[in-house]
Amino acid sequence: EWLGVRARRGAALSSAPHRSLGRIPPPAAMEQPARPLGASCCSDVGWLVRSVAWCPFEEGSHLLAAAGDTAALLELRDAADGRATLAPAEGMAIPIDGDVDAIAWGRVHGQICLTAIAGGSVSQHLCAAQGHSLSSGVLQLSSPVVNAPVYSACHLAREMLALTGASRQCSLLALGEGAANLSRTIALHSEGVAVRAHHAQPDHLMVAEACGGVHFLDLREPEGPHPTLSRTLPPAAAAAGLRDADWCPGDSHLVCAVAGDAWYGWDLRSTGRAATAHVGGGGGETRGAHALRWAPHGTSFAVAGRSSAVSVHELRTAASSREERGLWSDSSTFLTHGLPTRVPSVSWKQGATAARVLAGCGDTKICVWSL
């Protein structure tokens, strides 16, 4: 079996080539010089933050979830001096005492929900109308499905939750009233680093693993989730370890991932080239690219890494022929900030009026940029 898929399905899977295409010319030859942009807000929350996530729904778009040594919901406010600041959302304290492995926004029974995975437990925090109050509860698990550190989680269609991490599998949980039941598992070759559902197609799941594989599944298949398509990083990049991957919200065929000092992009409509480019910005390359997120409008993405560099890449796509499409960076913006050397997570603010607001975290600080 490959990724939990029986051999009889191998022919269908092999139709999607697992090779990636050559590197595009160096950024200096293609990208415009990076433009520096300072943070509009940088706040110290007093505890270690490892991930941030803006609420993806319009009525809760003012909420920024932060997780690490604990979890909290924050919101941007205007201070007396006219400067923006991050502050705890009033009346929305999250009752978690201890490290939080992963967080995920979704809807459960029609309500906005922040799900947190901490110490082997899964808790739900439901936001009331307009996202100004919170009710919380720990889900009863039918089996010890969270028996290893979780690195990524996402909500899916039909009250489902996907988890992946050190267990070397992707687990799908069916969410019920106060409970979560293990529905399916997908075996991986290595630790899972990212799970994403496409916002326009919540029945489609992307799973990325550390060894360089990015797999796509259609959960509507009656026989269970089997990868219908896969992409693999070049051997040298895979050896550095895939760190993160994300699906373009404006086009489900576009996917980007980071590994080593580069980002990699695929256009899934083509069996041809997968374009790659070094992560650049501010006159230097990002060392150890760690996080990648597409902007809500789907024409740019942000990359962060261990060298404290955060950069935003504007993309354009072009079809050179019917058989081959290219994906490349057109220009980039380097974001300056007061964060330490490692930036493990970035997140774009949602909503039609805030599609160019980005948050990033490092140690005990969270920065927000208005691009």
Protein backbone atom coordinates (compact mmCIF):
# COMPACT_ATOMS: atom_id res chain seq x y z
CA GLU A 1 0.00 0.00 0.00
CA TRP A 2 1.10 3.54 -0.70
CA LEU A 3 -0.24 6.19 1.67
CA GLY A 4 -2.83 3.65 2.80
CA VAL A 5 -4.03 3.10 -0.78
CA ARG A 6 -4.24 -0.43 -2.11
CA ALA A 7 -2.14 -1.44 -5.10
CA ARG A 8 -5.18 -1.72 -7.34
CA ARG A 9 -5.46 2.05 -7.22
CA GLY A 10 -1.83 2.56 -8.17
CA ALA A 11 -2.51 3.02 -11.85
CA ALA A 12 -4.85 5.92 -11.22
CA LEU A 13 -2.37 7.57 -8.90
CA SER A 14 0.57 7.11 -11.21
CA SER A 15 -1.16 9.15 -13.87
CA ALA A 16 -0.21 12.26 -11.91
CA PRO A 17 3.56 12.62 -12.29
CA HIS A 18 5.51 12.99 -9.05
CA ARG A 19 8.35 14.93 -10.60
CA SER A 20 8.85 18.63 -10.28
CA LEU A 21 10.23 20.87 -12.95
CA GLY A 22 13.22 22.96 -13.09
CA ARG A 23 14.09 26.03 -11.13
CA ILE A 24 13.15 29.33 -12.68
CA PRO A 25 15.82 32.01 -13.11
CA PRO A 26 17.20 33.53 -9.88
CA PRO A 27 14.95 36.11 -8.22
CA ALA A 28 17.28 38.95 -9.21
CA ALA A 29 16.49 38.26 -12.84
CA MET A 30 12.72 38.10 -12.40
CA GLU A 31 11.60 39.91 -9.26
CA GLN A 32 11.54 43.60 -8.70
CA PRO A 33 13.69 44.74 -5.73
CA ALA A 34 11.94 43.96 -2.46
CA ARG A 35 10.18 46.92 -0.86
CA PRO A 36 10.59 47.19 2.95
CA LEU A 37 7.44 47.79 5.00
CA GLY A 38 7.32 48.25 8.75
CA ALA A 39 4.78 46.70 11.10
CA SER A 40 1.77 48.82 12.01
CA CYS A 41 1.47 47.02 15.35
CA CYS A 42 3.79 44.83 17.42
CA SER A 43 2.61 43.55 20.82
CA ASP A 44 4.20 41.40 23.54
CA VAL A 45 1.59 39.00 24.94
CA GLY A 46 3.85 37.71 27.72
CA TRP A 47 3.88 34.02 26.73
CA LEU A 48 5.44 31.95 23.95
CA VAL A 49 3.38 32.09 20.74
CA ARG A 50 3.88 29.40 18.08
CA SER A 51 0.89 29.98 15.79
CA VAL A 52 -1.57 32.71 14.86
CA ALA A 53 -4.79 32.50 12.83
CA TRP A 54 -7.31 35.20 11.88
CA CYS A 55 -10.93 34.06 11.92
CA PRO A 56 -11.90 33.35 8.27
CA PHE A 57 -15.55 34.37 8.65
CA GLU A 58 -16.81 37.92 8.10
CA GLU A 59 -18.69 38.19 11.41
CA GLY A 60 -15.59 37.13 13.35
CA SER A 61 -12.89 38.66 11.15
CA HIS A 62 -11.82 41.00 13.96
CA LEU A 63 -10.58 38.01 16.01
CA LEU A 64 -6.99 36.75 15.92
CA ALA A 65 -6.35 33.40 17.63
CA ALA A 66 -2.89 32.85 19.13
CA ALA A 67 -1.59 29.57 20.51
CA GLY A 68 1.57 28.32 22.21
CA ASP A 69 2.11 28.15 25.96
CA THR A 70 -1.65 28.75 26.13
CA ALA A 71 -4.30 30.11 23.74
CA ALA A 72 -6.04 33.48 23.46
CA LEU A 73 -8.34 35.48 21.23
CA LEU A 74 -7.05 38.97 20.41
CA GLU A 75 -8.41 41.92 18.47
CA LEU A 76 -6.94 45.09 16.97
CA ARG A 77 -7.83 48.29 18.80
CA ASP A 78 -6.96 51.95 18.34
CA ALA A 79 -4.95 53.35 21.23
CA ALA A 80 -5.27 56.90 22.56
CA ASP A 81 -2.27 58.01 20.50
CA GLY A 82 -3.94 56.74 17.34
CA ARG A 83 -1.74 53.69 16.99
CA ALA A 84 -3.20 50.20 16.60
CA THR A 85 -2.61 47.67 19.36
CA LEU A 86 -3.49 44.02 19.99
CA ALA A 87 -5.55 43.34 23.11
CA PRO A 88 -7.45 40.35 24.52
CA ALA A 89 -10.98 40.13 23.13
CA GLU A 90 -13.33 41.11 25.95
CA GLY A 91 -15.41 38.30 27.40
CA MET A 92 -13.69 35.68 25.23
CA ALA A 93 -11.02 34.11 27.45
CA ILE A 94 -10.07 30.55 26.40
CA PRO A 95 -9.95 28.20 29.44
CA ILE A 96 -6.80 26.25 28.51
CA ASP A 97 -3.95 25.76 30.97
CA GLY A 98 -0.94 24.32 29.18
CA ASP A 99 0.70 24.03 25.78
CA VAL A 100 -1.53 24.13 22.71
CA ASP A 101 -0.32 22.05 19.75
CA ALA A 102 -2.63 23.38 17.02
CA ILE A 103 -5.69 25.54 16.41
CA ALA A 104 -8.27 25.62 13.61
CA TRP A 105 -11.24 27.84 12.76
CA GLY A 106 -14.43 26.35 11.37
CA ARG A 107 -18.19 26.17 11.71
CA VAL A 108 -19.89 23.63 13.95
CA HIS A 109 -23.70 23.45 13.88
CA GLY A 110 -23.73 26.82 12.15
CA GLN A 111 -21.63 28.59 14.79
CA ILE A 112 -18.09 29.93 14.42
CA CYS A 113 -15.79 27.57 16.28
CA LEU A 114 -12.13 27.69 17.29
CA THR A 115 -10.85 24.17 17.89
CA ALA A 116 -7.73 23.69 20.01
CA ILE A 117 -5.65 20.53 20.37
CA ALA A 118 -3.71 20.44 23.62
CA GLY A 119 -2.13 17.58 25.54
CA GLY A 120 -4.13 14.83 23.85
CA SER A 121 -7.47 16.61 24.18
CA VAL A 122 -9.64 18.44 21.66
CA SER A 123 -11.66 21.43 22.83
CA GLN A 124 -14.21 23.58 21.02
CA HIS A 125 -14.75 27.28 21.66
CA LEU A 126 -17.97 28.51 20.06
CA CYS A 127 -18.41 32.20 19.25
CA ALA A 128 -21.83 33.75 19.63
CA ALA A 129 -23.36 36.03 16.98
CA GLN A 130 -20.93 38.69 15.73
CA GLY A 131 -18.11 36.96 17.63
CA HIS A 132 -18.36 38.89 20.90
CA SER A 133 -18.82 36.06 23.44
CA LEU A 134 -17.51 32.53 23.83
CA SER A 135 -18.66 29.16 25.20
CA SER A 136 -16.12 26.36 25.60
CA GLY A 137 -16.11 22.61 26.08
CA VAL A 138 -13.74 19.64 25.84
CA LEU A 139 -14.84 16.93 23.38
CA GLN A 140 -15.11 13.32 24.49
CA LEU A 141 -12.94 11.19 22.20
CA SER A 142 -14.11 7.70 21.26
CA SER A 143 -10.47 6.52 21.12
CA PRO A 144 -7.04 7.99 21.90
CA VAL A 145 -6.68 9.55 18.45
CA VAL A 146 -4.44 12.37 19.69
CA ASN A 147 -1.62 10.20 20.99
CA ALA A 148 1.27 12.17 19.44
CA PRO A 149 2.03 15.87 18.94
CA VAL A 150 -0.29 17.51 16.39
CA TYR A 151 1.29 20.03 14.02
CA SER A 152 -1.72 21.06 11.94
CA ALA A 153 -5.52 20.86 11.99
CA CYS A 154 -8.38 22.06 9.79
CA HIS A 155 -12.18 21.90 9.67
CA LEU A 156 -13.83 20.15 6.72
CA ALA A 157 -17.34 19.85 5.33
CA ARG A 158 -20.00 17.80 7.14
CA GLU A 159 -18.73 18.53 10.69
CA MET A 160 -15.32 16.89 10.16
CA LEU A 161 -11.91 17.78 11.58
CA ALA A 162 -8.55 16.72 10.10
CA LEU A 163 -5.38 16.37 12.20
CA THR A 164 -1.79 15.48 11.33
CA GLY A 165 1.57 15.51 13.06
CA ALA A 166 4.15 13.21 14.64
CA SER A 167 1.86 10.16 14.33
CA ARG A 168 2.74 9.87 10.60
CA GLN A 169 -0.89 9.82 9.62
CA CYS A 170 -3.81 12.12 8.93
CA SER A 171 -6.80 11.47 11.19
CA LEU A 172 -10.34 12.49 10.26
CA LEU A 173 -12.69 13.06 13.20
CA ALA A 174 -16.49 13.26 12.99
CA LEU A 175 -17.68 16.02 15.33
CA GLY A 176 -20.87 15.49 17.30
CA GLU A 177 -22.55 17.05 20.31
CA GLY A 178 -19.70 17.20 22.81
CA ALA A 179 -17.85 14.31 21.19
CA ALA A 180 -15.44 13.45 18.39
CA ASN A 181 -15.25 10.00 16.78
CA LEU A 182 -12.39 8.75 14.65
CA SER A 183 -13.78 8.31 11.14
CA ARG A 184 -10.78 7.52 8.93
CA THR A 185 -6.99 7.59 8.88
CA ILE A 186 -4.55 8.07 6.01
CA ALA A 187 -1.06 6.64 6.50
CA LEU A 188 1.91 8.85 5.59
CA HIS A 189 5.58 8.13 4.91
CA SER A 190 6.73 10.73 7.44
CA GLU A 191 5.42 13.28 9.92
CA GLY A 192 2.52 15.35 8.64
CA VAL A 193 3.21 19.09 8.62
CA ALA A 194 0.05 20.63 7.15
CA VAL A 195 -3.60 19.80 6.43
CA ARG A 196 -5.77 22.24 4.49
CA ALA A 197 -9.30 22.18 3.11
CA HIS A 198 -9.94 24.45 0.16
CA HIS A 199 -12.34 27.17 1.27
CA ALA A 200 -14.41 26.89 -1.91
CA GLN A 201 -14.30 23.06 -1.95
CA PRO A 202 -14.38 21.91 1.70
CA ASP A 203 -14.71 18.25 0.64
CA HIS A 204 -11.21 18.40 -0.85
CA LEU A 205 -8.27 17.89 1.52
CA MET A 206 -4.57 18.59 1.07
CA VAL A 207 -2.05 16.75 3.28
CA ALA A 208 1.66 17.68 3.26
CA GLU A 209 4.35 15.57 4.88
CA ALA A 210 7.91 16.33 5.95
CA CYS A 211 9.55 14.02 3.41
CA GLY A 212 8.34 16.28 0.58
CA GLY A 213 5.01 14.81 -0.53
CA VAL A 214 1.85 16.89 -0.96
CA HIS A 215 -1.29 14.80 -1.48
CA PHE A 216 -4.83 15.73 -2.49
CA LEU A 217 -7.96 13.79 -1.53
CA ASP A 218 -11.64 13.93 -2.45
CA LEU A 219 -13.55 13.03 0.71
CA ARG A 220 -16.77 12.43 -1.23
CA GLU A 221 -15.47 9.10 -2.54
CA PRO A 222 -17.61 6.34 -0.98
CA GLU A 223 -14.65 3.98 -0.52
CA GLY A 224 -12.85 6.43 1.74
CA PRO A 225 -10.22 9.12 1.26
CA HIS A 226 -7.58 8.06 -1.26
CA PRO A 227 -5.09 10.46 -2.82
CA THR A 228 -6.29 11.38 -6.29
CA LEU A 229 -3.20 13.49 -7.01
CA SER A 230 0.25 13.99 -5.48
CA ARG A 231 3.21 16.27 -5.97
CA THR A 232 6.73 15.73 -4.60
CA LEU A 233 9.55 18.18 -3.98
CA PRO A 234 12.87 17.70 -5.77
CA PRO A 235 15.18 15.33 -3.80
CA ALA A 236 17.47 18.09 -2.54
CA ALA A 237 14.53 20.13 -1.26
CA ALA A 238 12.86 17.07 0.27
CA ALA A 239 16.09 16.31 2.14
CA ALA A 240 15.84 19.74 3.81
CA GLY A 241 12.32 18.86 4.95
CA LEU A 242 9.01 20.30 3.79
CA ARG A 243 7.84 22.76 6.46
CA ASP A 244 4.49 24.10 5.31
CA ALA A 245 2.11 24.14 2.35
CA ASP A 246 -1.03 26.06 1.45
CA TRP A 247 -3.80 26.07 -1.15
CA CYS A 248 -4.58 29.21 -3.14
CA PRO A 249 -8.08 30.41 -2.10
CA GLY A 250 -8.71 31.95 -5.50
CA ASP A 251 -7.70 28.91 -7.54
CA SER A 252 -7.79 25.36 -6.16
CA HIS A 253 -5.24 24.33 -8.81
CA LEU A 254 -2.45 26.46 -7.32
CA VAL A 255 -0.43 25.18 -4.36
CA CYS A 256 2.79 26.43 -2.77
CA ALA A 257 5.13 24.86 -0.20
CA VAL A 258 8.34 25.85 1.60
CA ALA A 259 11.43 23.75 2.27
CA GLY A 260 14.99 24.76 3.01
CA ASP A 261 15.58 28.27 1.65
CA ALA A 262 13.04 28.16 -1.17
CA TRP A 263 9.34 28.14 -1.98
CA TYR A 264 7.88 25.75 -4.54
CA GLY A 265 4.71 26.15 -6.56
CA TRP A 266 2.53 23.78 -8.55
CA ASP A 267 -0.24 24.31 -11.05
CA LEU A 268 -2.22 21.09 -10.63
CA ARG A 269 -3.93 21.44 -14.01
CA SER A 270 -0.71 20.58 -15.75
CA THR A 271 1.50 17.52 -15.78
CA GLY A 272 4.36 19.78 -16.78
CA ARG A 273 6.65 22.04 -14.82
CA ALA A 274 6.48 22.94 -11.14
CA ALA A 275 8.16 26.34 -10.89
CA THR A 276 10.47 27.10 -7.98
CA ALA A 277 12.21 30.20 -6.72
CA HIS A 278 14.43 31.18 -3.82
CA VAL A 279 12.71 33.10 -1.06
CA GLY A 280 14.08 36.65 -1.26
CA GLY A 281 13.58 40.00 0.39
CA GLY A 282 15.50 42.86 1.92
CA GLY A 283 18.67 41.99 0.06
CA GLY A 284 19.00 38.46 1.47
CA GLU A 285 17.39 35.06 1.31
CA THR A 286 15.24 33.64 4.07
CA ARG A 287 17.18 30.91 5.79
CA GLY A 288 15.06 27.97 6.83
CA ALA A 289 11.69 28.97 5.36
CA HIS A 290 9.15 27.76 7.91
CA ALA A 291 5.65 29.11 7.17
CA LEU A 292 3.64 29.98 4.06
CA ARG A 293 0.12 31.39 3.69
CA TRP A 294 -1.83 32.55 0.65
CA ALA A 295 -3.64 35.88 0.92
CA PRO A 296 -7.47 35.75 0.71
CA HIS A 297 -7.50 37.40 -2.73
CA GLY A 298 -5.28 34.58 -4.04
CA THR A 299 -2.71 36.69 -5.92
CA SER A 300 0.06 36.73 -3.32
CA PHE A 301 1.43 34.71 -0.41
CA ALA A 302 3.59 35.36 2.65
CA VAL A 303 6.69 33.38 3.64
CA ALA A 304 8.44 33.46 7.02
CA GLY A 305 11.51 31.65 8.33
CA ARG A 306 14.31 31.35 10.84
CA SER A 307 16.27 34.42 9.72
CA SER A 308 13.43 36.67 11.01
CA ALA A 309 12.61 37.63 7.41
CA VAL A 310 8.95 37.87 6.42
CA SER A 311 8.25 38.49 2.74
CA VAL A 312 5.15 38.79 0.58
CA HIS A 313 5.35 37.54 -3.00
CA GLU A 314 2.99 38.75 -5.70
CA LEU A 315 2.27 36.07 -8.26
CA ARG A 316 1.14 35.92 -11.82
CA THR A 317 0.35 32.82 -13.83
CA ALA A 318 0.68 32.28 -17.54
CA ALA A 319 0.04 29.45 -19.97
CA SER A 320 2.90 29.04 -22.41
CA SER A 321 1.01 26.26 -24.19
CA ARG A 322 -1.98 24.04 -23.70
CA GLU A 323 0.19 21.42 -22.05
CA GLU A 324 2.32 23.55 -19.78
CA ARG A 325 1.72 26.35 -17.32
CA GLY A 326 4.20 28.37 -15.31
CA LEU A 327 3.94 29.88 -11.84
CA TRP A 328 6.40 32.56 -10.73
CA SER A 329 6.96 35.50 -8.47
CA ASP A 330 6.52 38.91 -10.05
CA SER A 331 7.58 41.14 -7.13
CA SER A 332 8.12 40.92 -3.39
CA THR A 333 7.80 43.05 -0.26
CA PHE A 334 10.08 42.57 2.75
CA LEU A 335 8.32 43.18 6.07
CA THR A 336 10.36 44.65 8.92
CA HIS A 337 9.36 44.00 12.51
CA GLY A 338 10.50 43.50 16.09
CA LEU A 339 10.20 39.73 16.04
CA PRO A 340 13.11 37.43 16.99
CA THR A 341 15.04 35.26 14.56
CA ARG A 342 12.37 32.56 14.15
CA VAL A 343 8.90 33.36 12.79
CA PRO A 344 6.93 30.07 12.94
CA SER A 345 3.52 31.27 11.76
CA VAL A 346 1.78 33.94 9.65
CA SER A 347 -1.91 34.55 8.92
CA TRP A 348 -3.88 36.90 6.65
CA LYS A 349 -6.89 38.83 7.93
CA GLN A 350 -10.09 37.91 6.12
CA GLY A 351 -12.89 40.08 4.77
CA ALA A 352 -13.35 42.28 1.72
CA THR A 353 -12.01 45.39 3.47
CA ALA A 354 -9.04 43.74 5.19
CA ALA A 355 -7.56 41.40 2.61
CA ARG A 356 -4.10 43.00 2.92
CA VAL A 357 -3.54 42.68 6.68
CA LEU A 358 -1.00 40.08 7.81
CA ALA A 359 -0.08 38.85 11.31
CA GLY A 360 3.07 36.96 12.32
CA CYS A 361 4.47 35.70 15.62
CA GLY A 362 7.80 34.93 17.24
CA ASP A 363 8.67 34.18 20.88
CA THR A 364 6.23 36.31 22.93
CA LYS A 365 5.49 38.90 20.23
CA ILE A 366 2.85 39.26 17.52
CA CYS A 367 3.22 41.79 14.69
CA VAL A 368 0.55 43.05 12.28
CA TRP A 369 1.23 44.67 8.92
CA SER A 370 -1.17 46.64 6.73
CA LEU A 371 0.10 46.23 3.18
